[in-house]
Amino acid sequence: MSDAERRNLLAHFREEAEEHVDLLLKSLLGLEALPGDDRVVEDMLRRAHNLKGAAKLVGGAALERLTHAFETILSEVRAKRLAPGHDVVDALLESVDAMRNALERLMAGQSQEGSEDVVSRLLSLAASAPGIDDRLATLLPGLDPEIRDVLTEFQKSQLLLARDGDKTCWEVELESPEAEFSARVDAVYAELKRAGDVVSLAGLSPRSNGHLRFTFLLATRLAEQQVLELARSLDVRPIDPALPPPRPRQKSPHSPKRWPGWSSCTSSKR
């Protein structure tokens, strides 16, 4: 795309985005006055979704994150898991202001950072809705119970947001000799951050044969094959928690005992 074509695209986007943001503000004020009006919620969801898609098209990462989190809250309101009280409406109003700021930064060619606090507040509200553990179990049935049990409510909400945003989630296991472990963790963490969002650092497993094991929880837009190739290059084991855990096999009493060895990529999923 030429510079002239991008300027023209951004000009059209700005006009559309400003209309969406203005109407979101108007609808929020109406929601505060009539909290039981489902039509207002549906209209806002539609507008936020359209704005998110347009922001993604023009590279407006901050605006995309904000509208996605905005959608998440409204989805909880529509499902009657969150009441549109003052705290919810105030957070949504704050996010609309942040959308305006993100739009101005985008048009000025400035950094797409700066909206993280607003997104965090929205995700924290979403996490306060009941049933988050059940939804997480439905979306990620194979998630290691030891990891699930140490996730904060905010991290659980991040995973749900990632899944709603068409990202995939992966457990990424690293095993290394103890002497090399710290350097390996730092190197793998840096590469995973480039690939997506590291939602959780799940911590250490006990030593085994002089080795330590560490698990990251990654949310990414990379395709499955790209994740597997990245894992191979990093010598880590990716596990897809969206797949249910396999049932244990019944072993024949006459079968020789086999000890599962460490494999970096040959078994990518449970």
Protein backbone atom coordinates (compact mmCIF):
# COMPACT_ATOMS: atom_id res chain seq x y z
CA MET A 1 0.00 0.00 0.00
CA SER A 2 1.37 3.42 -0.96
CA ASP A 3 1.54 6.32 1.49
CA ALA A 4 -1.27 8.09 -0.37
CA GLU A 5 -3.49 4.99 -0.19
CA ARG A 6 -2.81 4.58 3.54
CA ARG A 7 -3.64 8.25 4.22
CA ASN A 8 -6.90 7.82 2.34
CA LEU A 9 -7.69 4.63 4.26
CA LEU A 10 -6.98 6.31 7.61
CA ALA A 11 -9.15 9.30 6.68
CA HIS A 12 -12.12 7.02 5.98
CA PHE A 13 -11.36 5.02 9.13
CA ARG A 14 -11.26 8.14 11.29
CA GLU A 15 -14.68 9.25 10.07
CA GLU A 16 -16.17 5.82 10.76
CA ALA A 17 -14.39 5.44 14.13
CA GLU A 18 -15.49 8.84 15.41
CA GLU A 19 -19.10 8.01 14.55
CA HIS A 20 -18.89 4.67 16.39
CA VAL A 21 -17.27 6.23 19.47
CA ASP A 22 -19.82 9.07 19.62
CA LEU A 23 -22.71 6.61 19.42
CA LEU A 24 -21.12 4.31 22.01
CA LEU A 25 -20.99 7.24 24.41
CA LYS A 26 -24.62 8.13 23.70
CA SER A 27 -25.70 4.51 24.17
CA LEU A 28 -23.81 4.20 27.46
CA LEU A 29 -25.62 7.20 28.85
CA GLY A 30 -28.86 5.57 27.75
CA LEU A 31 -27.86 2.28 29.38
CA GLU A 32 -27.25 4.06 32.68
CA ALA A 33 -30.76 5.51 32.50
CA LEU A 34 -32.40 2.24 31.30
CA PRO A 35 -30.15 -0.61 32.55
CA GLY A 36 -32.60 -3.31 31.44
CA ASP A 37 -32.71 -2.31 27.77
CA ASP A 38 -31.14 -5.25 25.92
CA ARG A 39 -31.45 -3.44 22.58
CA VAL A 40 -28.95 -0.83 23.76
CA VAL A 41 -26.48 -3.55 24.73
CA GLU A 42 -26.88 -5.33 21.38
CA ASP A 43 -26.35 -2.09 19.45
CA MET A 44 -23.19 -1.30 21.41
CA LEU A 45 -21.85 -4.82 20.89
CA ARG A 46 -22.38 -4.48 17.15
CA ARG A 47 -20.68 -1.09 17.00
CA ALA A 48 -17.76 -2.18 19.19
CA HIS A 49 -17.26 -5.29 17.04
CA ASN A 50 -17.25 -3.25 13.82
CA LEU A 51 -14.83 -0.73 15.29
CA LYS A 52 -12.54 -3.50 16.47
CA GLY A 53 -12.42 -5.05 13.02
CA ALA A 54 -11.72 -1.71 11.34
CA ALA A 55 -8.99 -0.87 13.88
CA LYS A 56 -7.29 -4.19 13.20
CA LEU A 57 -7.37 -3.49 9.46
CA VAL A 58 -5.49 -0.19 9.83
CA GLY A 59 -3.06 -1.36 12.52
CA GLY A 60 -4.71 0.37 15.46
CA ALA A 61 -3.60 -2.13 18.11
CA ALA A 62 -4.55 0.00 21.12
CA LEU A 63 -8.03 0.70 19.78
CA GLU A 64 -8.44 -2.99 18.94
CA ARG A 65 -7.51 -4.02 22.50
CA LEU A 66 -9.88 -1.45 24.02
CA THR A 67 -12.87 -2.41 21.88
CA HIS A 68 -12.21 -6.09 22.52
CA ALA A 69 -12.24 -5.57 26.28
CA PHE A 70 -15.31 -3.33 25.89
CA GLU A 71 -17.05 -6.20 24.06
CA THR A 72 -16.09 -8.61 26.83
CA ILE A 73 -17.84 -6.50 29.48
CA LEU A 74 -20.93 -6.03 27.34
CA SER A 75 -21.08 -9.77 26.69
CA GLU A 76 -21.17 -10.34 30.43
CA VAL A 77 -23.94 -7.74 30.76
CA ARG A 78 -25.94 -9.35 27.94
CA ALA A 79 -25.57 -12.77 29.60
CA LYS A 80 -26.83 -11.25 32.89
CA ARG A 81 -23.62 -12.21 34.65
CA LEU A 82 -22.80 -8.53 35.25
CA ALA A 83 -25.29 -5.81 36.17
CA PRO A 84 -24.74 -2.47 34.40
CA GLY A 85 -24.24 -0.61 37.68
CA HIS A 86 -22.25 2.55 38.23
CA ASP A 87 -18.90 0.75 38.42
CA VAL A 88 -19.47 -1.06 35.11
CA VAL A 89 -20.81 2.01 33.29
CA ASP A 90 -17.98 4.19 34.67
CA ALA A 91 -15.38 1.70 33.40
CA LEU A 92 -17.05 1.61 29.98
CA LEU A 93 -17.19 5.42 29.84
CA GLU A 94 -13.49 5.54 30.74
CA SER A 95 -12.77 3.11 27.92
CA VAL A 96 -14.64 5.32 25.42
CA ASP A 97 -12.39 8.23 26.41
CA ALA A 98 -9.40 5.93 25.96
CA MET A 99 -10.70 4.98 22.50
CA ARG A 100 -10.71 8.65 21.50
CA ASN A 101 -7.14 9.04 22.73
CA ALA A 102 -6.04 5.87 20.95
CA LEU A 103 -7.63 7.12 17.73
CA GLU A 104 -5.76 10.43 17.98
CA ARG A 105 -2.45 8.63 18.61
CA LEU A 106 -3.07 6.40 15.62
CA MET A 107 -3.82 9.32 13.33
CA ALA A 108 -0.70 11.13 14.56
CA GLY A 109 1.46 8.05 13.96
CA GLN A 110 2.27 7.76 17.66
CA SER A 111 2.79 4.75 19.92
CA GLN A 112 -0.06 2.28 20.31
CA GLU A 113 0.77 1.85 23.99
CA GLY A 114 -0.92 3.70 26.84
CA SER A 115 -4.32 2.03 27.26
CA GLU A 116 -3.17 -0.92 29.37
CA ASP A 117 -4.62 0.36 32.66
CA VAL A 118 -8.07 0.80 31.13
CA VAL A 119 -7.99 -2.65 29.55
CA SER A 120 -6.87 -4.14 32.88
CA ARG A 121 -9.78 -2.51 34.69
CA LEU A 122 -12.25 -3.89 32.15
CA LEU A 123 -10.77 -7.37 32.40
CA SER A 124 -10.89 -7.25 36.20
CA LEU A 125 -14.59 -6.40 36.02
CA ALA A 126 -15.18 -9.24 33.57
CA ALA A 127 -13.37 -11.60 35.92
CA SER A 128 -15.72 -10.63 38.75
CA ALA A 129 -18.66 -12.14 36.87
CA PRO A 130 -19.78 -15.55 38.20
CA GLY A 131 -19.03 -18.71 36.28
CA ILE A 132 -15.58 -17.79 35.01
CA ASP A 133 -14.12 -21.14 36.10
CA ASP A 134 -16.84 -23.07 34.28
CA ARG A 135 -16.30 -21.09 31.09
CA LEU A 136 -12.56 -21.61 31.30
CA ALA A 137 -13.05 -25.35 31.78
CA THR A 138 -15.31 -25.45 28.70
CA LEU A 139 -12.90 -23.52 26.46
CA LEU A 140 -9.68 -25.11 27.76
CA PRO A 141 -10.64 -28.55 29.08
CA GLY A 142 -7.07 -29.83 28.87
CA LEU A 143 -5.52 -27.04 30.93
CA ASP A 144 -3.20 -28.54 33.54
CA PRO A 145 -5.09 -28.43 36.89
CA GLU A 146 -1.92 -27.32 38.67
CA ILE A 147 -1.75 -24.30 36.36
CA ARG A 148 -5.47 -23.56 36.54
CA ASP A 149 -5.42 -23.59 40.33
CA VAL A 150 -2.76 -20.87 40.58
CA LEU A 151 -4.22 -18.51 37.96
CA THR A 152 -5.59 -15.24 39.28
CA GLU A 153 -9.09 -14.12 38.30
CA PHE A 154 -7.48 -11.48 36.09
CA GLN A 155 -5.38 -14.09 34.28
CA LYS A 156 -8.45 -16.27 33.75
CA SER A 157 -10.21 -13.29 32.23
CA GLN A 158 -7.21 -12.69 29.97
CA LEU A 159 -7.46 -16.26 28.68
CA LEU A 160 -11.18 -15.92 27.99
CA LEU A 161 -10.56 -12.62 26.20
CA ALA A 162 -7.84 -14.23 24.11
CA ARG A 163 -10.09 -17.12 23.11
CA ASP A 164 -12.94 -14.74 22.27
CA GLY A 165 -10.46 -12.83 20.10
CA ASP A 166 -9.61 -15.89 17.99
CA LYS A 167 -6.27 -16.46 19.68
CA THR A 168 -5.04 -19.90 20.62
CA CYS A 169 -3.67 -20.69 24.06
CA TRP A 170 -0.72 -22.98 24.67
CA GLU A 171 1.06 -24.45 27.64
CA VAL A 172 4.76 -24.21 26.78
CA GLU A 173 6.97 -26.50 28.84
CA LEU A 174 10.68 -25.90 29.16
CA GLU A 175 13.05 -28.44 30.68
CA SER A 176 16.72 -27.72 31.23
CA PRO A 177 19.69 -28.73 33.35
CA GLU A 178 19.72 -26.67 36.51
CA ALA A 179 23.00 -24.93 35.60
CA GLU A 180 21.48 -23.57 32.36
CA PHE A 181 17.97 -23.05 33.62
CA SER A 182 17.87 -19.31 34.37
CA ALA A 183 19.37 -18.32 31.01
CA ARG A 184 17.00 -20.68 29.17
CA VAL A 185 13.93 -19.26 30.91
CA ASP A 186 14.94 -15.69 30.04
CA ALA A 187 15.62 -16.56 26.40
CA VAL A 188 12.38 -18.51 25.89
CA TYR A 189 10.33 -15.83 27.66
CA ALA A 190 11.70 -13.14 25.35
CA GLU A 191 10.81 -15.14 22.23
CA LEU A 192 7.33 -16.00 23.48
CA LYS A 193 6.66 -12.32 24.17
CA ARG A 194 7.40 -11.64 20.52
CA ALA A 195 4.94 -14.35 19.51
CA GLY A 196 2.01 -13.22 21.66
CA ASP A 197 0.96 -12.60 25.25
CA VAL A 198 2.56 -14.58 28.07
CA VAL A 199 -0.46 -14.78 30.38
CA SER A 200 1.20 -16.74 33.15
CA LEU A 201 4.56 -18.05 34.27
CA ALA A 202 3.37 -21.19 35.97
CA GLY A 203 6.52 -21.88 37.94
CA LEU A 204 8.88 -24.73 38.60
CA SER A 205 8.30 -28.43 38.80
CA PRO A 206 10.45 -30.47 41.18
CA ARG A 207 13.92 -31.48 40.07
CA SER A 208 14.15 -34.69 38.07
CA ASN A 209 17.50 -36.19 37.10
CA GLY A 210 19.19 -32.84 37.62
CA HIS A 211 16.69 -31.02 35.41
CA LEU A 212 14.08 -28.37 36.19
CA ARG A 213 10.82 -27.85 34.32
CA PHE A 214 9.01 -24.55 33.86
CA THR A 215 5.67 -23.82 32.19
CA PHE A 216 4.58 -20.68 30.36
CA LEU A 217 0.99 -19.98 29.31
CA LEU A 218 0.91 -18.29 25.89
CA ALA A 219 -1.95 -16.64 23.97
CA THR A 220 -1.11 -16.03 20.34
CA ARG A 221 -2.49 -15.39 16.86
CA LEU A 222 0.13 -17.67 15.33
CA ALA A 223 -1.18 -20.64 13.40
CA GLU A 224 -0.64 -24.08 14.90
CA GLN A 225 2.19 -24.93 12.51
CA GLN A 226 3.95 -21.68 13.38
CA VAL A 227 3.67 -22.47 17.08
CA LEU A 228 5.14 -25.91 16.50
CA GLU A 229 8.01 -24.48 14.47
CA LEU A 230 8.70 -21.87 17.16
CA ALA A 231 8.68 -24.60 19.81
CA ARG A 232 11.09 -26.68 17.80
CA SER A 233 13.48 -23.75 17.44
CA LEU A 234 13.33 -23.07 21.19
CA ASP A 235 13.49 -26.75 22.19
CA VAL A 236 10.31 -26.52 24.26
CA ARG A 237 7.15 -28.62 24.32
CA PRO A 238 3.85 -26.97 23.29
CA ILE A 239 0.59 -28.43 24.63
CA ASP A 240 -2.83 -27.38 23.38
CA PRO A 241 -5.16 -27.06 26.41
CA ALA A 242 -8.20 -26.69 24.12
CA LEU A 243 -7.98 -30.46 23.63
CA PRO A 244 -9.41 -32.64 26.40
CA PRO A 245 -6.82 -34.66 28.32
CA PRO A 246 -6.52 -38.25 27.09
CA ARG A 247 -7.89 -41.04 29.20
CA PRO A 248 -5.14 -43.18 30.75
CA ARG A 249 -4.48 -46.37 28.84
CA GLN A 250 -4.94 -49.74 30.45
CA LYS A 251 -1.55 -51.48 30.47
CA SER A 252 -1.25 -55.17 29.88
CA PRO A 253 0.49 -56.99 32.75
CA HIS A 254 2.70 -58.62 30.11
CA SER A 255 3.78 -55.35 28.46
CA PRO A 256 7.26 -54.06 29.20
CA LYS A 257 7.38 -50.92 31.30
CA ARG A 258 8.14 -47.76 29.31
CA TRP A 259 9.32 -44.53 30.78
CA PRO A 260 8.28 -41.42 28.80
CA GLY A 261 11.38 -39.54 27.78
CA TRP A 262 11.62 -35.79 27.22
CA SER A 263 10.63 -34.79 23.71
CA SER A 264 10.82 -31.18 22.65
CA CYS A 265 8.29 -31.25 19.82
CA THR A 266 7.44 -34.77 18.78
CA SER A 267 4.33 -34.74 20.96
CA SER A 268 2.82 -31.32 20.59
CA LYS A 269 -0.55 -32.02 22.17
CA ARG A 270 -2.05 -33.99 24.97
